[in-house]
Amino acid sequence: MTTVVAHHDVKDQKHWLASPKREEVFGPLGVTNIRKFIDPQNPNRVAIVMDVADMDKVMAAMENDEMRAAMQYDGVIPESLVILVEA
């Protein structure tokens, strides 16, 4: 299991926090223990930490239409996305 941190900007922090889309798209990929974080100084900056069983599978899914639609629904600013993998 690999621990991953992903941070990005969003259009609406409250909407992003309440969205079920993370679990819907990441759950079937074997991603577990998804934790949400917010930047108290910038309401548009958020992050998740998650445990990933298969990084190749998740990275491939990041390019598919379902993931793009989920990110759009969540109000994610795609060009702000940074993914960090535990060393």
N, C-alpha and C. Protein backbone atom coordinates (compact mmCIF):
# COMPACT_ATOMS: atom_id res chain seq x y z
N MET A 1 0.85 -1.18 0.00
CA MET A 1 0.00 0.00 0.00
C MET A 1 0.89 1.24 0.00
N THR A 2 0.59 2.16 -0.86
CA THR A 2 1.33 3.41 -0.97
C THR A 2 0.47 4.56 -0.45
N THR A 3 1.04 5.41 0.36
CA THR A 3 0.33 6.60 0.83
C THR A 3 0.59 7.73 -0.16
N VAL A 4 -0.50 8.38 -0.56
CA VAL A 4 -0.44 9.44 -1.57
C VAL A 4 -1.08 10.71 -1.00
N VAL A 5 -0.46 11.84 -1.29
CA VAL A 5 -1.02 13.15 -0.98
C VAL A 5 -1.29 13.83 -2.31
N ALA A 6 -2.49 14.35 -2.45
CA ALA A 6 -2.82 15.13 -3.65
C ALA A 6 -3.38 16.46 -3.18
N HIS A 7 -2.82 17.55 -3.70
CA HIS A 7 -3.39 18.85 -3.35
C HIS A 7 -3.71 19.62 -4.62
N HIS A 8 -4.72 20.47 -4.51
CA HIS A 8 -5.20 21.22 -5.67
C HIS A 8 -6.12 22.33 -5.21
N ASP A 9 -6.49 23.17 -6.13
CA ASP A 9 -7.45 24.24 -5.86
C ASP A 9 -8.83 23.78 -6.30
N VAL A 10 -9.85 24.35 -5.64
CA VAL A 10 -11.24 24.06 -5.97
C VAL A 10 -12.02 25.37 -6.08
N LYS A 11 -13.14 25.29 -6.75
CA LYS A 11 -14.00 26.46 -6.91
C LYS A 11 -14.81 26.73 -5.66
N ASP A 12 -15.22 25.67 -4.95
CA ASP A 12 -16.11 25.80 -3.79
C ASP A 12 -15.73 24.73 -2.76
N GLN A 13 -15.06 25.17 -1.70
CA GLN A 13 -14.58 24.22 -0.68
C GLN A 13 -15.71 23.43 -0.04
N LYS A 14 -16.82 24.06 0.29
CA LYS A 14 -17.93 23.34 0.95
C LYS A 14 -18.49 22.26 0.04
N HIS A 15 -18.64 22.58 -1.23
CA HIS A 15 -19.14 21.58 -2.18
C HIS A 15 -18.14 20.42 -2.27
N TRP A 16 -16.86 20.74 -2.38
CA TRP A 16 -15.83 19.71 -2.48
C TRP A 16 -15.85 18.80 -1.25
N LEU A 17 -15.95 19.39 -0.07
CA LEU A 17 -15.95 18.60 1.16
C LEU A 17 -17.14 17.64 1.22
N ALA A 18 -18.29 18.07 0.73
CA ALA A 18 -19.51 17.26 0.83
C ALA A 18 -19.66 16.24 -0.30
N SER A 19 -18.85 16.34 -1.32
CA SER A 19 -19.03 15.50 -2.50
C SER A 19 -18.75 14.02 -2.24
N PRO A 20 -19.60 13.15 -2.78
CA PRO A 20 -19.37 11.70 -2.68
C PRO A 20 -18.49 11.16 -3.80
N LYS A 21 -18.08 12.01 -4.74
CA LYS A 21 -17.38 11.54 -5.94
C LYS A 21 -16.04 10.88 -5.66
N ARG A 22 -15.28 11.36 -4.67
CA ARG A 22 -13.97 10.73 -4.38
C ARG A 22 -14.13 9.24 -4.13
N GLU A 23 -15.03 8.89 -3.23
CA GLU A 23 -15.23 7.49 -2.90
C GLU A 23 -15.78 6.71 -4.09
N GLU A 24 -16.66 7.35 -4.87
CA GLU A 24 -17.26 6.68 -6.03
C GLU A 24 -16.21 6.31 -7.08
N VAL A 25 -15.26 7.18 -7.34
CA VAL A 25 -14.27 6.88 -8.39
C VAL A 25 -13.03 6.17 -7.87
N PHE A 26 -12.61 6.49 -6.65
CA PHE A 26 -11.40 5.87 -6.11
C PHE A 26 -11.66 4.52 -5.46
N GLY A 27 -12.84 4.32 -4.88
CA GLY A 27 -13.16 3.06 -4.20
C GLY A 27 -12.95 1.84 -5.08
N PRO A 28 -13.53 1.83 -6.30
CA PRO A 28 -13.35 0.67 -7.17
C PRO A 28 -11.89 0.44 -7.61
N LEU A 29 -11.05 1.44 -7.43
CA LEU A 29 -9.63 1.30 -7.79
C LEU A 29 -8.80 0.75 -6.63
N GLY A 30 -9.45 0.42 -5.51
CA GLY A 30 -8.73 -0.11 -4.37
C GLY A 30 -8.12 0.95 -3.46
N VAL A 31 -8.56 2.20 -3.63
CA VAL A 31 -8.07 3.29 -2.78
C VAL A 31 -8.87 3.28 -1.48
N THR A 32 -8.17 3.38 -0.37
CA THR A 32 -8.82 3.35 0.94
C THR A 32 -8.31 4.49 1.82
N ASN A 33 -8.99 4.66 2.93
CA ASN A 33 -8.55 5.59 3.97
C ASN A 33 -8.34 7.02 3.43
N ILE A 34 -9.32 7.50 2.66
CA ILE A 34 -9.24 8.84 2.08
C ILE A 34 -9.55 9.87 3.16
N ARG A 35 -8.59 10.79 3.37
CA ARG A 35 -8.76 11.86 4.36
C ARG A 35 -8.68 13.20 3.65
N LYS A 36 -9.58 14.11 4.04
CA LYS A 36 -9.68 15.43 3.40
C LYS A 36 -9.05 16.50 4.28
N PHE A 37 -8.40 17.47 3.64
CA PHE A 37 -7.75 18.57 4.34
C PHE A 37 -8.09 19.87 3.64
N ILE A 38 -8.13 20.94 4.42
CA ILE A 38 -8.36 22.27 3.86
C ILE A 38 -7.25 23.21 4.33
N ASP A 39 -7.01 24.24 3.56
CA ASP A 39 -6.06 25.28 3.94
C ASP A 39 -6.84 26.37 4.65
N PRO A 40 -6.63 26.58 5.94
CA PRO A 40 -7.40 27.59 6.67
C PRO A 40 -7.10 29.02 6.21
N GLN A 41 -6.00 29.22 5.50
CA GLN A 41 -5.64 30.54 5.01
C GLN A 41 -6.16 30.79 3.59
N ASN A 42 -6.51 29.73 2.88
CA ASN A 42 -6.98 29.85 1.50
C ASN A 42 -8.13 28.87 1.29
N PRO A 43 -9.37 29.35 1.27
CA PRO A 43 -10.52 28.44 1.19
C PRO A 43 -10.63 27.68 -0.13
N ASN A 44 -9.82 28.03 -1.11
CA ASN A 44 -9.86 27.32 -2.38
C ASN A 44 -8.77 26.26 -2.51
N ARG A 45 -7.94 26.08 -1.49
CA ARG A 45 -6.87 25.07 -1.55
C ARG A 45 -7.23 23.91 -0.63
N VAL A 46 -7.18 22.70 -1.18
CA VAL A 46 -7.56 21.50 -0.44
C VAL A 46 -6.56 20.38 -0.74
N ALA A 47 -6.69 19.29 0.02
CA ALA A 47 -5.82 18.14 -0.22
C ALA A 47 -6.51 16.87 0.26
N ILE A 48 -6.04 15.75 -0.28
CA ILE A 48 -6.45 14.45 0.26
C ILE A 48 -5.20 13.62 0.50
N VAL A 49 -5.30 12.75 1.48
CA VAL A 49 -4.30 11.72 1.73
C VAL A 49 -5.05 10.40 1.60
N MET A 50 -4.45 9.45 0.92
CA MET A 50 -5.14 8.18 0.69
C MET A 50 -4.14 7.05 0.56
N ASP A 51 -4.62 5.85 0.81
CA ASP A 51 -3.81 4.65 0.66
C ASP A 51 -4.17 4.00 -0.68
N VAL A 52 -3.16 3.75 -1.49
CA VAL A 52 -3.36 3.25 -2.85
C VAL A 52 -2.69 1.89 -3.00
N ALA A 53 -3.47 0.91 -3.41
CA ALA A 53 -2.94 -0.44 -3.60
C ALA A 53 -2.17 -0.57 -4.91
N ASP A 54 -2.61 0.12 -5.97
CA ASP A 54 -2.00 -0.02 -7.29
C ASP A 54 -1.88 1.36 -7.93
N MET A 55 -0.71 1.98 -7.81
CA MET A 55 -0.49 3.33 -8.34
C MET A 55 -0.68 3.39 -9.85
N ASP A 56 -0.23 2.37 -10.58
CA ASP A 56 -0.38 2.38 -12.03
C ASP A 56 -1.86 2.44 -12.41
N LYS A 57 -2.68 1.70 -11.72
CA LYS A 57 -4.12 1.69 -11.98
C LYS A 57 -4.74 3.06 -11.71
N VAL A 58 -4.35 3.68 -10.60
CA VAL A 58 -4.88 4.99 -10.25
C VAL A 58 -4.41 6.05 -11.24
N MET A 59 -3.15 6.03 -11.60
CA MET A 59 -2.63 7.04 -12.53
C MET A 59 -3.27 6.88 -13.91
N ALA A 60 -3.53 5.67 -14.34
CA ALA A 60 -4.22 5.46 -15.62
C ALA A 60 -5.65 6.00 -15.53
N ALA A 61 -6.30 5.78 -14.40
CA ALA A 61 -7.68 6.26 -14.21
C ALA A 61 -7.75 7.78 -14.20
N MET A 62 -6.67 8.44 -13.80
CA MET A 62 -6.67 9.90 -13.77
C MET A 62 -6.88 10.49 -15.16
N GLU A 63 -6.65 9.70 -16.20
CA GLU A 63 -6.78 10.16 -17.58
C GLU A 63 -8.12 9.81 -18.21
N ASN A 64 -8.99 9.07 -17.49
CA ASN A 64 -10.24 8.65 -18.13
C ASN A 64 -11.37 9.66 -17.93
N ASP A 65 -12.42 9.51 -18.72
CA ASP A 65 -13.53 10.46 -18.72
C ASP A 65 -14.28 10.47 -17.39
N GLU A 66 -14.41 9.31 -16.74
CA GLU A 66 -15.11 9.26 -15.45
C GLU A 66 -14.39 10.11 -14.40
N MET A 67 -13.07 10.02 -14.36
CA MET A 67 -12.30 10.80 -13.40
C MET A 67 -12.39 12.29 -13.73
N ARG A 68 -12.30 12.62 -15.00
CA ARG A 68 -12.42 14.03 -15.41
C ARG A 68 -13.79 14.59 -15.01
N ALA A 69 -14.84 13.80 -15.21
CA ALA A 69 -16.19 14.23 -14.85
C ALA A 69 -16.32 14.40 -13.34
N ALA A 70 -15.71 13.50 -12.57
CA ALA A 70 -15.76 13.61 -11.11
C ALA A 70 -15.02 14.85 -10.64
N MET A 71 -13.87 15.12 -11.24
CA MET A 71 -13.12 16.32 -10.87
C MET A 71 -13.90 17.58 -11.22
N GLN A 72 -14.55 17.58 -12.38
CA GLN A 72 -15.35 18.73 -12.77
C GLN A 72 -16.52 18.91 -11.80
N TYR A 73 -17.19 17.82 -11.45
CA TYR A 73 -18.29 17.89 -10.49
C TYR A 73 -17.83 18.46 -9.15
N ASP A 74 -16.65 18.04 -8.72
CA ASP A 74 -16.11 18.50 -7.44
C ASP A 74 -15.56 19.92 -7.50
N GLY A 75 -15.46 20.49 -8.69
CA GLY A 75 -14.95 21.85 -8.82
C GLY A 75 -13.44 21.93 -8.73
N VAL A 76 -12.76 20.83 -9.03
CA VAL A 76 -11.30 20.80 -8.99
C VAL A 76 -10.74 21.60 -10.18
N ILE A 77 -9.72 22.41 -9.90
CA ILE A 77 -9.00 23.12 -10.95
C ILE A 77 -7.88 22.18 -11.41
N PRO A 78 -8.07 21.45 -12.53
CA PRO A 78 -7.14 20.38 -12.92
C PRO A 78 -5.68 20.81 -13.01
N GLU A 79 -5.43 22.00 -13.52
CA GLU A 79 -4.03 22.42 -13.70
C GLU A 79 -3.31 22.69 -12.37
N SER A 80 -4.07 22.73 -11.28
CA SER A 80 -3.45 22.96 -9.97
C SER A 80 -3.09 21.65 -9.25
N LEU A 81 -3.50 20.51 -9.81
CA LEU A 81 -3.31 19.22 -9.16
C LEU A 81 -1.84 18.83 -9.06
N VAL A 82 -1.41 18.49 -7.84
CA VAL A 82 -0.07 17.97 -7.57
C VAL A 82 -0.25 16.67 -6.79
N ILE A 83 0.40 15.60 -7.24
CA ILE A 83 0.32 14.30 -6.58
C ILE A 83 1.69 13.96 -6.04
N LEU A 84 1.74 13.67 -4.74
CA LEU A 84 2.98 13.29 -4.07
C LEU A 84 2.83 11.86 -3.55
N VAL A 85 3.88 11.07 -3.72
CA VAL A 85 3.88 9.67 -3.31
C VAL A 85 4.87 9.48 -2.19
N GLU A 86 4.46 8.73 -1.19
CA GLU A 86 5.35 8.46 -0.05
C GLU A 86 6.64 7.82 -0.53
N ALA A 87 7.75 8.35 -0.03
CA ALA A 87 9.06 7.84 -0.43
C ALA A 87 9.45 6.64 0.42
